Amino acid sequence: MCVQLSELRKAVVAYSSTFDPAVVSCAQAAEAVREAAAIEHAAATIKALAAARAAEARTWKASGARSAEEDLARATGTSLAGARDALNLGRRLQDQPEVADAARRGELSPTQAATIAEAVAVNPAAGRDLVDAARAGGSLADLKNRCADVKAGAVDLEARRRDIHRRRFLRMWTGDDGAWRLSGFGNPEDGAQIAAALAGYADDAFHAARREGRREHPDAYRFDALVELARQTLTEQPEENDDAPPGSDPGRGDRVGGERVGGDPVGGDHLITDGAGPPDRVHAGGRRLPATSHSSDDRPAPAATPAASGPAPRGQGGKRPKGGRPARRGAPVKLLIRVDLPTLLRGFPTSGETCELVGYGPLSVSAVEKLVTDGDAFVAAILTKGRQVAGVVHLGRQPNAWQQTALQWLYPTCAAEGCPAPGEHLQTDHRLDWAATHLTLLDWLDRLCPHHHQLKTRDNCSLTDGVGRRPFVAPTDPRHPRHQQTIAGPP
């Protein structure tokens, strides 16, 4: 077997030494990429399986390495983390024949194989479906989300939340290169609130850089945001609020469009919708829900309407607002929760049900309650029955607040299938030109990343008919909506 590998290596090296991309056509170059990737994937699988087998002999001790991971990192010229991932993959593939067969054929990249293998270790029955999903050609982000759902359906989310909380940490140190480092670990709902606090400051840093003609990575702006947030926390002093009654928290929440959001709504209730009518109220302290039917006079309380547009006010004169809480900076940040009605009533999800913080993955119901009860960032919860969201129509060009929330629920990433662009970078798109219809109907709206939005506007590309993530096709594709004989109503 090793002799065959040696011959294969010589053959690949011989081909590589004579390969000149300048003498092949663009189509041939694209085919070369696919073939080389399959070879690379198959070779990585062989390496992972062989490394796991070699580690069983514990020969790494003789080489002076501290562990099998360190020995493999030295032998392959990779990082310790990369070597650890390879060993974990090799060990898991030994017990997962379906995943191993696809990886051996080069159909799965090492990252895809590791992501699937981790999920299959929790739920062995999901192997075939996850491999098929990877073969279908979706993005790695889509595959990771699907694997996260598989793992969430097979574990106790409440126990996982407690375990992560027990192991939480925030570490700071200065590396050998003199750079300050930061590493953290904790529950996603806590991380989401940190991200929400930094978002406005990062937006300020981005616009300041643009004015100065600088172009930097978003990670750089987030670091600047963290420094600015810390600086303001250290230099600003909370003001007394003589008008506030004892025990009140007038600084809680923001003002958007003249109405306070993010704080406690009237009566301590928060608004949620079942996708078929006006929002219901769920008490912040528990899961008490009224009947889902509403009379014509049962309108949502204005204080809890989700913020859809317009920047939140900033602190005046470098001071905090009364109540001791700093004013939110930049556009209002919304933490969007998707949870099924049976899940909320039962207290935990079962197979096929949704309970997640959009952009962060599955959550336990207790985490949802914590966010709603004492989260400082504005939390919008959508209570659903399946994935149905009712259409809402109005005459303005921009979606209203409830439509914005529904769109964020439907499209946590770009609607173009395979595009991993996250929600904060998406643009609302009218399927039918608003200038012709003068209607903004939820069923006629999608969310696209700037790249796909430009392709639609400039090259007449389009999403296929339907709802949610779906193929994005060229005008010549028979699935393009222009080839439909008639449009009898909303897509």
Foldseek 3Di string as FASTA:
>chain_A
DVVVVVVVVVVVVVCVVPDDVVPDDPVVVVVVVVVVLLVQLLVLLVVLQVLLVVQVVVCVVVVVDPHSLRVVCVVVVHDSVVSVLSPVLNVLCVVQVLLSVCSNRSLAHSLLSSLLSVLCVQPVVCNVVLSVVSNVPFAPVVSNQVSLLSNQQRDDQVVVQVVQAVVWDWDWDQDPVRDIDIDTTHDVLVVVLVCQQLVQQLVVVCVVCVVVVHDDDSVVSSVVSVVVVVVLVVPADADADPPDDPPDQVVFAFAAPNAGFRHQFPPQWAWAAAQPDATWTAHLVAGDTDDRDDDPPDHDGPNHQAHDDDATDADPPSYADHRGDGHRHGRADEFEWEFESVCRVVQHDHPPTATATQPRHHHGNVSVSCCSNDNRGGYHYYYYDRLHHYKDKDQDPDDDRVLSSNQCSQPQDALAGNGRHGDVQWDKDFQDDCVVVSMDISLRIHIHGPVLVCCCVPQVWAFADDTGRGHTGGPPDCRRPVVDPDDPDRD
